[in-house]
PDB file of N, CA and C in Angstrom:
ATOM      1  N   MET A   1     -24.139 -82.960  46.980  1.00  0.00           N
ATOM      2  CA  MET A   1     -24.796 -82.016  47.854  1.00  0.00           C
ATOM      3  C   MET A   1     -24.477 -82.373  49.315  1.00  0.00           C
ATOM      4  N   THR A   2     -24.133 -81.380  50.120  1.00  0.00           N
ATOM      5  CA  THR A   2     -23.791 -81.626  51.521  1.00  0.00           C
ATOM      6  C   THR A   2     -24.989 -81.388  52.422  1.00  0.00           C
ATOM      7  N   ASP A   3     -24.984 -82.041  53.560  1.00  0.00           N
ATOM      8  CA  ASP A   3     -26.050 -81.899  54.544  1.00  0.00           C
ATOM      9  C   ASP A   3     -25.692 -80.758  55.488  1.00  0.00           C
ATOM     10  N   ARG A   4     -26.373 -79.638  55.389  1.00  0.00           N
ATOM     11  CA  ARG A   4     -26.064 -78.461  56.196  1.00  0.00           C
ATOM     12  C   ARG A   4     -26.529 -78.584  57.639  1.00  0.00           C
ATOM     13  N   THR A   5     -27.438 -79.477  57.932  1.00  0.00           N
ATOM     14  CA  THR A   5     -27.921 -79.609  59.305  1.00  0.00           C
ATOM     15  C   THR A   5     -26.831 -80.108  60.242  1.00  0.00           C
ATOM     16  N   SER A   6     -25.879 -80.881  59.735  1.00  0.00           N
ATOM     17  CA  SER A   6     -24.802 -81.362  60.597  1.00  0.00           C
ATOM     18  C   SER A   6     -23.829 -80.239  60.956  1.00  0.00           C
ATOM     19  N   ASP A   7     -23.792 -79.165  60.169  1.00  0.00           N
ATOM     20  CA  ASP A   7     -22.907 -78.036  60.448  1.00  0.00           C
ATOM     21  C   ASP A   7     -23.537 -77.021  61.407  1.00  0.00           C
ATOM     22  N   ALA A   8     -24.830 -77.078  61.625  1.00  0.00           N
ATOM     23  CA  ALA A   8     -25.520 -76.068  62.430  1.00  0.00           C
ATOM     24  C   ALA A   8     -24.986 -75.962  63.856  1.00  0.00           C
ATOM     25  N   PRO A   9     -24.807 -77.054  64.603  1.00  0.00           N
ATOM     26  CA  PRO A   9     -24.292 -76.896  65.970  1.00  0.00           C
ATOM     27  C   PRO A   9     -22.890 -76.297  66.014  1.00  0.00           C
ATOM     28  N   ARG A  10     -22.045 -76.699  65.071  1.00  0.00           N
ATOM     29  CA  ARG A  10     -20.690 -76.140  65.046  1.00  0.00           C
ATOM     30  C   ARG A  10     -20.716 -74.651  64.760  1.00  0.00           C
ATOM     31  N   ALA A  11     -21.597 -74.224  63.872  1.00  0.00           N
ATOM     32  CA  ALA A  11     -21.686 -72.808  63.527  1.00  0.00           C
ATOM     33  C   ALA A  11     -22.191 -71.988  64.717  1.00  0.00           C
ATOM     34  N   ALA A  12     -22.995 -72.595  65.580  1.00  0.00           N
ATOM     35  CA  ALA A  12     -23.554 -71.875  66.725  1.00  0.00           C
ATOM     36  C   ALA A  12     -22.583 -71.812  67.895  1.00  0.00           C
ATOM     37  N   ASP A  13     -21.597 -72.681  67.963  1.00  0.00           N
ATOM     38  CA  ASP A  13     -20.698 -72.731  69.114  1.00  0.00           C
ATOM     39  C   ASP A  13     -19.866 -71.463  69.317  1.00  0.00           C
ATOM     40  N   PRO A  14     -19.227 -70.905  68.283  1.00  0.00           N
ATOM     41  CA  PRO A  14     -18.436 -69.690  68.520  1.00  0.00           C
ATOM     42  C   PRO A  14     -19.261 -68.517  69.064  1.00  0.00           C
ATOM     43  N   PRO A  15     -20.451 -68.245  68.535  1.00  0.00           N
ATOM     44  CA  PRO A  15     -21.230 -67.153  69.130  1.00  0.00           C
ATOM     45  C   PRO A  15     -21.633 -67.442  70.576  1.00  0.00           C
ATOM     46  N   ARG A  16     -22.022 -68.684  70.871  1.00  0.00           N
ATOM     47  CA  ARG A  16     -22.387 -69.036  72.250  1.00  0.00           C
ATOM     48  C   ARG A  16     -21.186 -68.890  73.177  1.00  0.00           C
ATOM     49  N   ALA A  17     -20.026 -69.294  72.700  1.00  0.00           N
ATOM     50  CA  ALA A  17     -18.815 -69.170  73.512  1.00  0.00           C
ATOM     51  C   ALA A  17     -18.485 -67.704  73.762  1.00  0.00           C
ATOM     52  N   ALA A  18     -18.655 -66.883  72.738  1.00  0.00           N
ATOM     53  CA  ALA A  18     -18.394 -65.449  72.893  1.00  0.00           C
ATOM     54  C   ALA A  18     -19.376 -64.822  73.876  1.00  0.00           C
ATOM     55  N   LEU A  19     -20.644 -65.208  73.807  1.00  0.00           N
ATOM     56  CA  LEU A  19     -21.632 -64.699  74.764  1.00  0.00           C
ATOM     57  C   LEU A  19     -21.279 -65.122  76.182  1.00  0.00           C
ATOM     58  N   ALA A  20     -20.875 -66.360  76.341  1.00  0.00           N
ATOM     59  CA  ALA A  20     -20.516 -66.862  77.666  1.00  0.00           C
ATOM     60  C   ALA A  20     -19.303 -66.119  78.227  1.00  0.00           C
ATOM     61  N   ARG A  21     -18.303 -65.882  77.383  1.00  0.00           N
ATOM     62  CA  ARG A  21     -17.116 -65.141  77.842  1.00  0.00           C
ATOM     63  C   ARG A  21     -17.481 -63.707  78.216  1.00  0.00           C
ATOM     64  N   ALA A  22     -18.285 -63.067  77.388  1.00  0.00           N
ATOM     65  CA  ALA A  22     -18.679 -61.684  77.659  1.00  0.00           C
ATOM     66  C   ALA A  22     -19.501 -61.598  78.937  1.00  0.00           C
ATOM     67  N   ARG A  23     -20.404 -62.549  79.133  1.00  0.00           N
ATOM     68  CA  ARG A  23     -21.221 -62.575  80.356  1.00  0.00           C
ATOM     69  C   ARG A  23     -20.328 -62.713  81.587  1.00  0.00           C
ATOM     70  N   SER A  24     -19.393 -63.630  81.524  1.00  0.00           N
ATOM     71  CA  SER A  24     -18.486 -63.856  82.649  1.00  0.00           C
ATOM     72  C   SER A  24     -17.600 -62.630  82.902  1.00  0.00           C
ATOM     73  N   ALA A  25     -17.090 -62.043  81.836  1.00  0.00           N
ATOM     74  CA  ALA A  25     -16.193 -60.886  81.973  1.00  0.00           C
ATOM     75  C   ALA A  25     -16.914 -59.685  82.570  1.00  0.00           C
ATOM     76  N   THR A  26     -18.134 -59.416  82.124  1.00  0.00           N
ATOM     77  CA  THR A  26     -18.853 -58.258  82.664  1.00  0.00           C
ATOM     78  C   THR A  26     -19.181 -58.462  84.134  1.00  0.00           C
ATOM     79  N   ARG A  27     -19.503 -59.679  84.523  1.00  0.00           N
ATOM     80  CA  ARG A  27     -19.785 -59.967  85.937  1.00  0.00           C
ATOM     81  C   ARG A  27     -18.520 -59.798  86.777  1.00  0.00           C
ATOM     82  N   GLU A  28     -17.401 -60.305  86.283  1.00  0.00           N
ATOM     83  CA  GLU A  28     -16.133 -60.179  87.014  1.00  0.00           C
ATOM     84  C   GLU A  28     -15.713 -58.719  87.162  1.00  0.00           C
ATOM     85  N   VAL A  29     -15.837 -57.950  86.095  1.00  0.00           N
ATOM     86  CA  VAL A  29     -15.441 -56.536  86.150  1.00  0.00           C
ATOM     87  C   VAL A  29     -16.325 -55.779  87.135  1.00  0.00           C
ATOM     88  N   ALA A  30     -17.627 -56.083  87.154  1.00  0.00           N
ATOM     89  CA  ALA A  30     -18.531 -55.434  88.107  1.00  0.00           C
ATOM     90  C   ALA A  30     -18.095 -55.722  89.536  1.00  0.00           C
ATOM     91  N   ASP A  31     -17.781 -56.981  89.811  1.00  0.00           N
ATOM     92  CA  ASP A  31     -17.344 -57.346  91.163  1.00  0.00           C
ATOM     93  C   ASP A  31     -15.995 -56.704  91.509  1.00  0.00           C
ATOM     94  N   ASP A  32     -15.070 -56.726  90.558  1.00  0.00           N
ATOM     95  CA  ASP A  32     -13.754 -56.128  90.794  1.00  0.00           C
ATOM     96  C   ASP A  32     -13.846 -54.622  91.017  1.00  0.00           C
ATOM     97  N   LEU A  33     -14.714 -53.986  90.272  1.00  0.00           N
ATOM     98  CA  LEU A  33     -14.861 -52.541  90.379  1.00  0.00           C
ATOM     99  C   LEU A  33     -15.232 -52.127  91.803  1.00  0.00           C
ATOM    100  N   LEU A  34     -16.092 -52.899  92.425  1.00  0.00           N
ATOM    101  CA  LEU A  34     -16.539 -52.567  93.777  1.00  0.00           C
ATOM    102  C   LEU A  34     -15.465 -52.799  94.835  1.00  0.00           C
ATOM    103  N   THR A  35     -14.449 -53.567  94.511  1.00  0.00           N
ATOM    104  CA  THR A  35     -13.378 -53.819  95.492  1.00  0.00           C
ATOM    105  C   THR A  35     -12.230 -52.825  95.392  1.00  0.00           C
ATOM    106  N   HIS A  36     -12.274 -51.924  94.419  1.00  0.00           N
ATOM    107  CA  HIS A  36     -11.186 -50.977  94.199  1.00  0.00           C
ATOM    108  C   HIS A  36     -11.647 -49.525  94.374  1.00  0.00           C
ATOM    109  N   LEU A  37     -12.273 -49.246  95.478  1.00  0.00           N
ATOM    110  CA  LEU A  37     -12.728 -47.880  95.736  1.00  0.00           C
ATOM    111  C   LEU A  37     -11.640 -47.104  96.477  1.00  0.00           C
ATOM    112  N   PRO A  38     -11.091 -46.087  95.852  1.00  0.00           N
ATOM    113  CA  PRO A  38     -10.084 -45.284  96.543  1.00  0.00           C
ATOM    114  C   PRO A  38     -10.738 -44.346  97.556  1.00  0.00           C
ATOM    115  N   ASP A  39      -9.997 -43.995  98.561  1.00  0.00           N
ATOM    116  CA  ASP A  39     -10.457 -43.009  99.543  1.00  0.00           C
ATOM    117  C   ASP A  39      -9.887 -41.664  99.100  1.00  0.00           C
ATOM    118  N   VAL A  40     -10.773 -40.757  98.675  1.00  0.00           N
ATOM    119  CA  VAL A  40     -10.303 -39.481  98.139  1.00  0.00           C
ATOM    120  C   VAL A  40     -10.168 -38.403  99.210  1.00  0.00           C
ATOM    121  N   GLY A  41     -10.677 -38.670 100.415  1.00  0.00           N
ATOM    122  CA  GLY A  41     -10.500 -37.720 101.513  1.00  0.00           C
ATOM    123  C   GLY A  41     -11.630 -36.726 101.686  1.00  0.00           C
ATOM    124  N   ASP A  42     -12.203 -36.259 100.628  1.00  0.00           N
ATOM    125  CA  ASP A  42     -13.293 -35.286 100.702  1.00  0.00           C
ATOM    126  C   ASP A  42     -14.628 -36.034 100.705  1.00  0.00           C
ATOM    127  N   PRO A  43     -15.453 -35.861 101.756  1.00  0.00           N
ATOM    128  CA  PRO A  43     -16.698 -36.632 101.858  1.00  0.00           C
ATOM    129  C   PRO A  43     -17.652 -36.444 100.667  1.00  0.00           C
ATOM    130  N   ALA A  44     -17.812 -35.230 100.195  1.00  0.00           N
ATOM    131  CA  ALA A  44     -18.724 -34.984  99.074  1.00  0.00           C
ATOM    132  C   ALA A  44     -18.211 -35.672  97.806  1.00  0.00           C
ATOM    133  N   THR A  45     -16.931 -35.535  97.553  1.00  0.00           N
ATOM    134  CA  THR A  45     -16.339 -36.185  96.381  1.00  0.00           C
ATOM    135  C   THR A  45     -16.408 -37.697  96.517  1.00  0.00           C
ATOM    136  N   GLN A  46     -16.188 -38.190  97.733  1.00  0.00           N
ATOM    137  CA  GLN A  46     -16.249 -39.628  97.973  1.00  0.00           C
ATOM    138  C   GLN A  46     -17.648 -40.174  97.681  1.00  0.00           C
ATOM    139  N   ARG A  47     -18.668 -39.453  98.110  1.00  0.00           N
ATOM    140  CA  ARG A  47     -20.046 -39.888  97.845  1.00  0.00           C
ATOM    141  C   ARG A  47     -20.322 -39.943  96.345  1.00  0.00           C
ATOM    142  N   LEU A  48     -19.863 -38.938  95.626  1.00  0.00           N
ATOM    143  CA  LEU A  48     -20.046 -38.921  94.170  1.00  0.00           C
ATOM    144  C   LEU A  48     -19.309 -40.086  93.503  1.00  0.00           C
ATOM    145  N   LEU A  49     -18.085 -40.316  93.940  1.00  0.00           N
ATOM    146  CA  LEU A  49     -17.299 -41.416  93.381  1.00  0.00           C
ATOM    147  C   LEU A  49     -17.959 -42.757  93.689  1.00  0.00           C
ATOM    148  N   ASP A  50     -18.381 -42.929  94.936  1.00  0.00           N
ATOM    149  CA  ASP A  50     -19.039 -44.184  95.328  1.00  0.00           C
ATOM    150  C   ASP A  50     -20.304 -44.411  94.507  1.00  0.00           C
ATOM    151  N   ALA A  51     -21.088 -43.375  94.311  1.00  0.00           N
ATOM    152  CA  ALA A  51     -22.326 -43.500  93.525  1.00  0.00           C
ATOM    153  C   ALA A  51     -22.010 -43.854  92.078  1.00  0.00           C
ATOM    154  N   TRP A  52     -20.974 -43.221  91.522  1.00  0.00           N
ATOM    155  CA  TRP A  52     -20.600 -43.503  90.143  1.00  0.00           C
ATOM    156  C   TRP A  52     -20.138 -44.953  89.992  1.00  0.00           C
ATOM    157  N   VAL A  53     -19.324 -45.416  90.926  1.00  0.00           N
ATOM    158  CA  VAL A  53     -18.824 -46.790  90.866  1.00  0.00           C
ATOM    159  C   VAL A  53     -19.980 -47.778  91.004  1.00  0.00           C
ATOM    160  N   GLU A  54     -20.896 -47.515  91.914  1.00  0.00           N
ATOM    161  CA  GLU A  54     -22.047 -48.407  92.083  1.00  0.00           C
ATOM    162  C   GLU A  54     -22.909 -48.434  90.819  1.00  0.00           C
ATOM    163  N   GLN A  55     -23.091 -47.274  90.203  1.00  0.00           N
ATOM    164  CA  GLN A  55     -23.876 -47.219  88.966  1.00  0.00           C
ATOM    165  C   GLN A  55     -23.170 -47.978  87.844  1.00  0.00           C
ATOM    166  N   ALA A  56     -21.869 -47.836  87.762  1.00  0.00           N
ATOM    167  CA  ALA A  56     -21.116 -48.570  86.738  1.00  0.00           C
ATOM    168  C   ALA A  56     -21.215 -50.075  86.974  1.00  0.00           C
ATOM    169  N   ALA A  57     -21.103 -50.512  88.223  1.00  0.00           N
ATOM    170  CA  ALA A  57     -21.218 -51.936  88.546  1.00  0.00           C
ATOM    171  C   ALA A  57     -22.629 -52.447  88.224  1.00  0.00           C
ATOM    172  N   ASP A  58     -23.640 -51.655  88.555  1.00  0.00           N
ATOM    173  CA  ASP A  58     -25.014 -52.047  88.229  1.00  0.00           C
ATOM    174  C   ASP A  58     -25.207 -52.180  86.721  1.00  0.00           C
ATOM    175  N   THR A  59     -24.621 -51.273  85.971  1.00  0.00           N
ATOM    176  CA  THR A  59     -24.728 -51.330  84.513  1.00  0.00           C
ATOM    177  C   THR A  59     -24.043 -52.580  83.969  1.00  0.00           C
ATOM    178  N   LEU A  60     -22.864 -52.883  84.488  1.00  0.00           N
ATOM    179  CA  LEU A  60     -22.160 -54.091  84.048  1.00  0.00           C
ATOM    180  C   LEU A  60     -22.952 -55.349  84.390  1.00  0.00           C
ATOM    181  N   ARG A  61     -23.568 -55.370  85.548  1.00  0.00           N
ATOM    182  CA  ARG A  61     -24.399 -56.525  85.916  1.00  0.00           C
ATOM    183  C   ARG A  61     -25.610 -56.646  84.991  1.00  0.00           C
ATOM    184  N   ALA A  62     -26.194 -55.518  84.629  1.00  0.00           N
ATOM    185  CA  ALA A  62     -27.330 -55.545  83.702  1.00  0.00           C
ATOM    186  C   ALA A  62     -26.900 -56.084  82.338  1.00  0.00           C
ATOM    187  N   VAL A  63     -25.727 -55.684  81.884  1.00  0.00           N
ATOM    188  CA  VAL A  63     -25.199 -56.196  80.614  1.00  0.00           C
ATOM    189  C   VAL A  63     -24.972 -57.702  80.735  1.00  0.00           C
ATOM    190  N   SER A  64     -24.414 -58.140  81.862  1.00  0.00           N
ATOM    191  CA  SER A  64     -24.183 -59.560  82.085  1.00  0.00           C
ATOM    192  C   SER A  64     -25.495 -60.337  82.047  1.00  0.00           C
ATOM    193  N   GLU A  65     -26.523 -59.807  82.687  1.00  0.00           N
ATOM    194  CA  GLU A  65     -27.829 -60.475  82.688  1.00  0.00           C
ATOM    195  C   GLU A  65     -28.432 -60.519  81.283  1.00  0.00           C
ATOM    196  N   ALA A  66     -28.277 -59.437  80.534  1.00  0.00           N
ATOM    197  CA  ALA A  66     -28.789 -59.416  79.158  1.00  0.00           C
ATOM    198  C   ALA A  66     -28.057 -60.443  78.300  1.00  0.00           C
ATOM    199  N   LEU A  67     -26.765 -60.565  78.499  1.00  0.00           N
ATOM    200  CA  LEU A  67     -25.995 -61.564  77.760  1.00  0.00           C
ATOM    201  C   LEU A  67     -26.430 -62.973  78.152  1.00  0.00           C
ATOM    202  N   GLU A  68     -26.719 -63.170  79.430  1.00  0.00           N
ATOM    203  CA  GLU A  68     -27.187 -64.484  79.878  1.00  0.00           C
ATOM    204  C   GLU A  68     -28.533 -64.827  79.235  1.00  0.00           C
ATOM    205  N   GLU A  69     -29.433 -63.860  79.171  1.00  0.00           N
ATOM    206  CA  GLU A  69     -30.727 -64.088  78.511  1.00  0.00           C
ATOM    207  C   GLU A  69     -30.531 -64.447  77.041  1.00  0.00           C
ATOM    208  N   ARG A  70     -29.623 -63.726  76.390  1.00  0.00           N
ATOM    209  CA  ARG A  70     -29.345 -64.005  74.976  1.00  0.00           C
ATOM    210  C   ARG A  70     -28.737 -65.394  74.827  1.00  0.00           C
ATOM    211  N   LEU A  71     -27.847 -65.753  75.749  1.00  0.00           N
ATOM    212  CA  LEU A  71     -27.222 -67.074  75.710  1.00  0.00           C
ATOM    213  C   LEU A  71     -28.258 -68.167  75.913  1.00  0.00           C
ATOM    214  N   LEU A  72     -29.157 -67.981  76.871  1.00  0.00           N
ATOM    215  CA  LEU A  72     -30.211 -68.963  77.097  1.00  0.00           C
ATOM    216  C   LEU A  72     -31.145 -69.052  75.893  1.00  0.00           C
ATOM    217  N   GLY A  73     -31.443 -67.924  75.281  1.00  0.00           N
ATOM    218  CA  GLY A  73     -32.273 -67.906  74.080  1.00  0.00           C
ATOM    219  C   GLY A  73     -31.596 -68.607  72.926  1.00  0.00           C
ATOM    220  N   ALA A  74     -30.299 -68.429  72.810  1.00  0.00           N
ATOM    221  CA  ALA A  74     -29.555 -69.105  71.732  1.00  0.00           C
ATOM    222  C   ALA A  74     -29.542 -70.612  71.950  1.00  0.00           C
ATOM    223  N   GLY A  75     -29.530 -71.033  73.206  1.00  0.00           N
ATOM    224  CA  GLY A  75     -29.563 -72.463  73.507  1.00  0.00           C
ATOM    225  C   GLY A  75     -30.894 -73.093  73.141  1.00  0.00           C
ATOM    226  N   ARG A  76     -31.974 -72.340  73.303  1.00  0.00           N
ATOM    227  CA  ARG A  76     -33.304 -72.865  72.968  1.00  0.00           C
ATOM    228  C   ARG A  76     -33.514 -72.959  71.458  1.00  0.00           C
ATOM    229  N   SER A  77     -32.856 -72.068  70.717  1.00  0.00           N
ATOM    230  CA  SER A  77     -33.085 -72.049  69.264  1.00  0.00           C
ATOM    231  C   SER A  77     -32.258 -73.083  68.515  1.00  0.00           C
ATOM    232  N   THR A  78     -31.292 -73.708  69.192  1.00  0.00           N
ATOM    233  CA  THR A  78     -30.476 -74.719  68.502  1.00  0.00           C
ATOM    234  C   THR A  78     -31.019 -76.096  68.700  1.00  0.00           C
TER     235      THR A  78
END
């Protein structure tokens, strides 16, 4: 009979690593998105585009924060 408790930390590492990568990637994409705003020339269209980009960046940051909470929760349960 094998001792399964010694395998528990190893089994938890890949999911934690995936959460950490996803958290980092969503944060990076949010930051990158805000640095690539094209100038479309039309003020009304520009305002709409700027609002959409800001909303997308906010959503990515929220996903990053949710992943961080999940990662911290996974650390407490191991």
